[in-house]
Amino acid sequence: MAKQIHWFPGHMNKALIEVENKIKLVDVVIELLDARAPFSSINENLEKIIKNKKTLIVLTKDDLADPKQTKVWIEQLKSQYSQIITLNLKNSGSENILTKAVIALGKDKWEKQRAKGMKPQPIRAMILGVPNVGKSSLINRMAKRKAAGVQNKPGFTRGEQWIKVSQDFLLMDTPGILPMNYEDQQKATKLALIGSIREDILPNEILVDYLLNFLKDKYPNALKERFDISEIKDKENVLHQIANKRKLVDATGQDDLLRAEVLLLKEFKDGLLGKITLEHYES
């Protein structure tokens, strides 16, 4: 039986309580899911809190994901959430797409206020997601300034803050929040591969094993262009080829397989092995 993976730092527990306390203040919830692992990106703890709110699902990093699988996931998620969009956070204009979607979900608030003779107030949205899913990058685009810190590692954003996007739209940022534990080690492994769980939680050996088995099954040519590996055999064979290709040697002059592991995982996370989705929807 796979052991449970625990990773729930104190600031995440505090953030979860804050979300529960402040959810009543918002009109719309924006939940970011990584397009490479949409199912594993869903935090069940947060889902219970936001279930009665209009929710916009944003599949981020779609430039790194398999476009065919992204289309499949959009169709599947449509039945569960108010609205689904995909975003490449590197593209200018992504903030406009999101703003339009949020206003479309929240505009009934304005209609109710006008009906009461009130001046329409800004739509308040809360942005949620697991760590390193692109929240800070998106917020900075929307605020057109460095409103949130950005680092390519989990657990960087800490406190909640309101950010004025426009006269019509206020956004509450929150830290990335993971479930308290993962009974399913595969979920934890996929989140570690995309950078949502700290690298020291799961050994690189486990991540490389999973990644190579997955690539062999779903993307057998993924290592061809990058490392000139035409066939994914056993892990050791692949790592030796990567070490040779990149001239990675240890102090004794032998192939440095540990550095080859680190390199392989980084190049996957950075999208250098091609457009790969770790979760293929199975009906």
Protein backbone atom coordinates (compact mmCIF):
# COMPACT_ATOMS: atom_id res chain seq x y z
CA MET A 1 0.00 0.00 0.00
CA ALA A 2 1.38 3.42 -0.94
CA LYS A 3 2.10 5.58 2.07
CA GLN A 4 0.28 8.86 2.56
CA ILE A 5 2.18 11.98 1.57
CA HIS A 6 1.91 14.73 4.19
CA TRP A 7 2.72 18.34 3.37
CA PHE A 8 0.67 20.92 5.19
CA PRO A 9 2.83 23.74 6.60
CA GLY A 10 1.36 26.06 9.23
CA HIS A 11 0.80 28.93 6.82
CA MET A 12 -1.43 26.69 4.65
CA ASN A 13 -3.62 25.76 7.60
CA LYS A 14 -3.94 29.45 8.49
CA ALA A 15 -4.76 30.30 4.86
CA LEU A 16 -7.46 27.62 4.71
CA ILE A 17 -9.13 29.12 7.79
CA GLU A 18 -8.88 32.62 6.25
CA VAL A 19 -10.51 31.42 3.02
CA GLU A 20 -13.37 29.89 5.01
CA ASN A 21 -13.82 33.14 6.97
CA LYS A 22 -13.67 35.44 3.95
CA ILE A 23 -15.55 33.43 1.34
CA LYS A 24 -18.75 35.28 2.25
CA LEU A 25 -17.12 38.55 1.12
CA VAL A 26 -16.66 37.44 -2.50
CA ASP A 27 -19.01 37.15 -5.46
CA VAL A 28 -16.90 34.86 -7.64
CA VAL A 29 -14.18 32.29 -6.96
CA ILE A 30 -11.38 31.89 -9.49
CA GLU A 31 -9.78 28.47 -9.10
CA LEU A 32 -6.58 27.86 -11.04
CA LEU A 33 -5.73 24.31 -12.12
CA ASP A 34 -2.55 23.31 -13.90
CA ALA A 35 -3.55 22.05 -17.36
CA ARG A 36 -0.88 19.34 -17.11
CA ALA A 37 -2.60 17.75 -14.09
CA PRO A 38 -6.14 19.20 -13.75
CA PHE A 39 -7.58 16.47 -11.53
CA SER A 40 -4.67 16.44 -9.10
CA SER A 41 -4.73 20.27 -8.97
CA ILE A 42 -8.22 20.24 -7.46
CA ASN A 43 -8.01 20.76 -3.70
CA GLU A 44 -10.92 18.94 -2.08
CA ASN A 45 -10.59 21.01 1.11
CA LEU A 46 -11.18 24.17 -0.90
CA GLU A 47 -13.97 22.60 -2.95
CA LYS A 48 -16.02 22.07 0.22
CA ILE A 49 -15.62 25.74 1.17
CA ILE A 50 -16.45 27.25 -2.24
CA LYS A 51 -19.20 24.85 -3.33
CA ASN A 52 -21.98 27.47 -3.07
CA LYS A 53 -20.06 30.20 -4.93
CA LYS A 54 -19.96 30.86 -8.64
CA THR A 55 -16.65 29.38 -9.69
CA LEU A 56 -14.50 30.13 -12.70
CA ILE A 57 -12.01 27.37 -13.45
CA VAL A 58 -8.84 28.56 -15.17
CA LEU A 59 -6.58 25.93 -16.72
CA THR A 60 -3.18 27.57 -16.52
CA LYS A 61 0.06 26.72 -18.29
CA ASP A 62 -1.86 25.38 -21.27
CA ASP A 63 1.21 26.19 -23.37
CA LEU A 64 2.96 23.31 -21.57
CA ALA A 65 0.06 20.83 -21.82
CA ASP A 66 -1.09 18.47 -24.54
CA PRO A 67 -3.75 20.51 -26.42
CA LYS A 68 -5.84 17.40 -27.21
CA GLN A 69 -6.05 16.51 -23.54
CA THR A 70 -6.81 20.10 -22.55
CA LYS A 71 -9.88 20.03 -24.82
CA VAL A 72 -11.03 16.78 -23.22
CA TRP A 73 -10.62 18.20 -19.71
CA ILE A 74 -12.55 21.35 -20.59
CA GLU A 75 -15.50 19.24 -21.68
CA GLN A 76 -15.38 17.15 -18.52
CA LEU A 77 -15.12 20.12 -16.16
CA LYS A 78 -18.00 21.99 -17.81
CA SER A 79 -20.53 19.81 -16.01
CA GLN A 80 -19.14 20.72 -12.58
CA TYR A 81 -18.27 24.43 -12.71
CA SER A 82 -19.88 27.71 -13.79
CA GLN A 83 -17.31 28.52 -16.46
CA ILE A 84 -14.00 27.15 -17.79
CA ILE A 85 -11.24 29.03 -19.60
CA THR A 86 -7.62 28.25 -20.48
CA LEU A 87 -4.78 30.73 -20.21
CA ASN A 88 -1.18 30.98 -21.30
CA LEU A 89 0.05 33.39 -18.66
CA LYS A 90 2.95 34.46 -20.88
CA ASN A 91 0.59 35.98 -23.45
CA SER A 92 -0.44 39.61 -23.22
CA GLY A 93 -4.20 39.89 -23.09
CA SER A 94 -4.65 36.91 -20.76
CA GLU A 95 -5.76 39.31 -18.03
CA ASN A 96 -8.51 40.70 -20.28
CA ILE A 97 -9.88 37.23 -20.96
CA LEU A 98 -10.07 36.56 -17.23
CA THR A 99 -11.62 39.94 -16.41
CA LYS A 100 -14.42 39.40 -18.97
CA ALA A 101 -15.15 35.94 -17.58
CA VAL A 102 -15.31 37.19 -13.98
CA ILE A 103 -17.60 40.10 -14.87
CA ALA A 104 -19.87 37.76 -16.83
CA LEU A 105 -20.28 35.61 -13.71
CA GLY A 106 -20.68 38.51 -11.29
CA LYS A 107 -22.80 40.98 -13.25
CA ASP A 108 -26.08 39.78 -11.69
CA LYS A 109 -24.82 41.50 -8.52
CA TRP A 110 -24.93 44.81 -10.43
CA GLU A 111 -28.44 44.10 -11.71
CA LYS A 112 -29.68 43.48 -8.16
CA GLN A 113 -28.01 46.66 -6.89
CA ARG A 114 -29.45 48.77 -9.71
CA ALA A 115 -32.90 47.32 -9.03
CA LYS A 116 -32.56 48.61 -5.46
CA GLY A 117 -31.44 52.04 -6.69
CA MET A 118 -27.87 51.43 -5.55
CA LYS A 119 -24.66 52.28 -7.37
CA PRO A 120 -23.10 49.05 -8.68
CA GLN A 121 -20.15 48.02 -6.52
CA PRO A 122 -17.01 46.26 -7.82
CA ILE A 123 -17.23 42.53 -8.27
CA ARG A 124 -15.13 40.83 -5.61
CA ALA A 125 -13.30 37.69 -6.63
CA MET A 126 -11.07 35.35 -4.67
CA ILE A 127 -8.28 33.56 -6.50
CA LEU A 128 -7.35 30.08 -5.28
CA GLY A 129 -5.13 27.22 -6.32
CA VAL A 130 -2.38 24.83 -5.32
CA PRO A 131 1.14 26.28 -5.09
CA ASN A 132 3.01 27.26 -8.26
CA VAL A 133 -0.07 27.14 -10.47
CA GLY A 134 0.49 30.66 -11.78
CA LYS A 135 -1.55 32.81 -9.39
CA SER A 136 1.08 35.45 -8.79
CA SER A 137 1.96 35.80 -12.48
CA LEU A 138 -1.71 36.23 -13.35
CA ILE A 139 -2.36 38.73 -10.55
CA ASN A 140 0.59 40.86 -11.61
CA ARG A 141 -0.71 40.95 -15.17
CA MET A 142 -4.17 41.93 -14.02
CA ALA A 143 -2.97 44.59 -11.60
CA LYS A 144 -0.42 45.82 -14.19
CA ARG A 145 2.15 46.05 -11.44
CA LYS A 146 4.08 43.74 -9.16
CA ALA A 147 1.25 43.16 -6.74
CA ALA A 148 2.28 39.61 -5.87
CA GLY A 149 5.65 37.94 -5.52
CA VAL A 150 6.55 35.39 -8.19
CA GLN A 151 8.85 32.42 -7.78
CA ASN A 152 8.87 29.07 -9.57
CA LYS A 153 8.52 27.14 -6.34
CA PRO A 154 5.61 26.22 -4.05
CA GLY A 155 4.68 28.12 -0.91
CA PHE A 156 5.95 31.57 -1.91
CA THR A 157 2.81 33.74 -1.58
CA ARG A 158 1.79 34.03 2.09
CA GLY A 159 -0.84 36.59 3.22
CA GLU A 160 -4.21 37.46 1.69
CA GLN A 161 -4.57 40.88 0.05
CA TRP A 162 -7.17 42.79 -1.98
CA ILE A 163 -5.92 44.03 -5.34
CA LYS A 164 -7.75 46.63 -7.42
CA VAL A 165 -7.84 45.36 -11.00
CA SER A 166 -10.22 48.06 -12.24
CA GLN A 167 -13.16 50.19 -11.09
CA ASP A 168 -15.35 47.11 -11.61
CA PHE A 169 -13.18 44.34 -10.22
CA LEU A 170 -11.38 43.65 -6.93
CA LEU A 171 -9.30 40.53 -6.47
CA MET A 172 -8.31 38.78 -3.24
CA ASP A 173 -5.07 36.87 -3.48
CA THR A 174 -4.42 33.82 -1.29
CA PRO A 175 -1.41 31.56 -0.75
CA GLY A 176 -1.25 28.24 -2.57
CA ILE A 177 -3.02 25.62 -0.49
CA LEU A 178 -2.58 21.85 -0.70
CA PRO A 179 -4.73 19.17 0.93
CA MET A 180 -3.49 18.04 4.34
CA ASN A 181 -2.30 14.74 2.89
CA TYR A 182 -2.53 12.57 -0.19
CA GLU A 183 -3.74 9.03 0.28
CA ASP A 184 -3.12 8.58 -3.44
CA GLN A 185 0.64 8.87 -3.93
CA GLN A 186 0.14 9.27 -7.69
CA LYS A 187 -1.56 12.63 -7.13
CA ALA A 188 1.31 13.81 -4.95
CA THR A 189 3.82 12.57 -7.52
CA LYS A 190 2.14 14.47 -10.35
CA LEU A 191 1.98 17.66 -8.27
CA ALA A 192 5.66 17.28 -7.43
CA LEU A 193 6.49 16.85 -11.11
CA ILE A 194 4.75 20.12 -12.05
CA GLY A 195 6.34 21.97 -9.11
CA SER A 196 3.38 22.27 -6.72
CA ILE A 197 4.93 20.16 -3.97
CA ARG A 198 8.41 20.88 -2.67
CA GLU A 199 11.13 18.80 -4.26
CA ASP A 200 12.33 17.41 -0.92
CA ILE A 201 8.96 15.80 -0.10
CA LEU A 202 9.32 13.00 -2.65
CA PRO A 203 12.69 11.54 -3.71
CA ASN A 204 13.80 12.27 -7.27
CA GLU A 205 14.07 8.52 -7.81
CA ILE A 206 10.31 8.11 -7.37
CA LEU A 207 9.53 11.07 -9.62
CA VAL A 208 11.85 9.87 -12.39
CA ASP A 209 10.44 6.33 -12.20
CA TYR A 210 6.91 7.66 -12.58
CA LEU A 211 7.77 10.15 -15.32
CA LEU A 212 9.67 7.66 -17.49
CA ASN A 213 6.97 4.99 -17.17
CA PHE A 214 4.34 7.57 -18.09
CA LEU A 215 6.30 8.90 -21.06
CA LYS A 216 6.97 5.38 -22.29
CA ASP A 217 3.23 4.71 -22.27
CA LYS A 218 1.81 8.04 -23.51
CA TYR A 219 4.64 10.03 -25.12
CA PRO A 220 7.29 7.51 -26.26
CA ASN A 221 9.07 10.08 -28.46
CA ALA A 222 9.30 12.79 -25.80
CA LEU A 223 13.04 12.33 -25.21
CA LYS A 224 14.04 12.02 -28.87
CA GLU A 225 14.61 15.65 -29.80
CA ARG A 226 15.97 16.79 -26.45
CA PHE A 227 18.33 13.92 -25.63
CA ASP A 228 18.39 11.84 -28.84
CA ILE A 229 16.82 8.94 -26.95
CA SER A 230 14.67 7.09 -29.46
CA GLU A 231 13.41 4.39 -27.10
CA ILE A 232 12.64 4.69 -23.39
CA LYS A 233 13.98 1.50 -21.85
CA ASP A 234 14.87 1.12 -18.18
CA LYS A 235 15.58 4.15 -15.99
CA GLU A 236 19.31 3.55 -15.63
CA ASN A 237 19.76 3.31 -19.39
CA VAL A 238 17.93 6.60 -19.94
CA LEU A 239 19.91 8.39 -17.22
CA HIS A 240 23.22 7.18 -18.64
CA GLN A 241 22.22 8.51 -22.06
CA ILE A 242 21.22 11.88 -20.59
CA ALA A 243 24.48 12.09 -18.64
CA ASN A 244 26.46 11.30 -21.80
CA LYS A 245 24.51 13.79 -23.88
CA ARG A 246 25.00 16.62 -21.37
CA LYS A 247 28.48 15.55 -20.21
CA LEU A 248 27.42 15.06 -16.61
CA VAL A 249 30.21 13.30 -14.72
CA ASP A 250 30.91 12.84 -11.03
CA ALA A 251 34.20 13.25 -9.16
CA THR A 252 35.37 9.82 -10.34
CA GLY A 253 34.68 10.58 -13.99
CA GLN A 254 31.62 8.30 -14.13
CA ASP A 255 28.20 9.31 -15.43
CA ASP A 256 26.51 11.41 -12.75
CA LEU A 257 23.07 9.81 -12.65
CA LEU A 258 21.85 11.98 -9.77
CA ARG A 259 22.47 15.14 -11.79
CA ALA A 260 20.84 13.47 -14.78
CA GLU A 261 17.71 12.89 -12.66
CA VAL A 262 17.62 16.54 -11.60
CA LEU A 263 18.11 17.70 -15.19
CA LEU A 264 15.37 15.44 -16.55
CA LEU A 265 12.85 16.62 -13.94
CA LYS A 266 13.70 20.29 -14.50
CA GLU A 267 13.41 20.06 -18.26
CA PHE A 268 10.05 18.34 -17.94
CA LYS A 269 8.78 20.99 -15.52
CA ASP A 270 9.99 23.76 -17.82
CA GLY A 271 8.18 22.24 -20.81
CA LEU A 272 11.36 21.40 -22.72
CA LEU A 273 10.27 17.82 -23.45
CA GLY A 274 7.21 18.97 -25.38
CA LYS A 275 3.54 19.54 -24.58
CA ILE A 276 2.75 16.83 -22.05
CA THR A 277 -0.31 16.26 -19.86
CA LEU A 278 0.19 13.90 -16.93
CA GLU A 279 -3.50 13.09 -16.62
CA HIS A 280 -5.35 11.64 -19.55
CA TYR A 281 -9.07 11.54 -18.87
CA GLU A 282 -10.38 8.02 -18.67
CA SER A 283 -14.12 7.70 -19.16
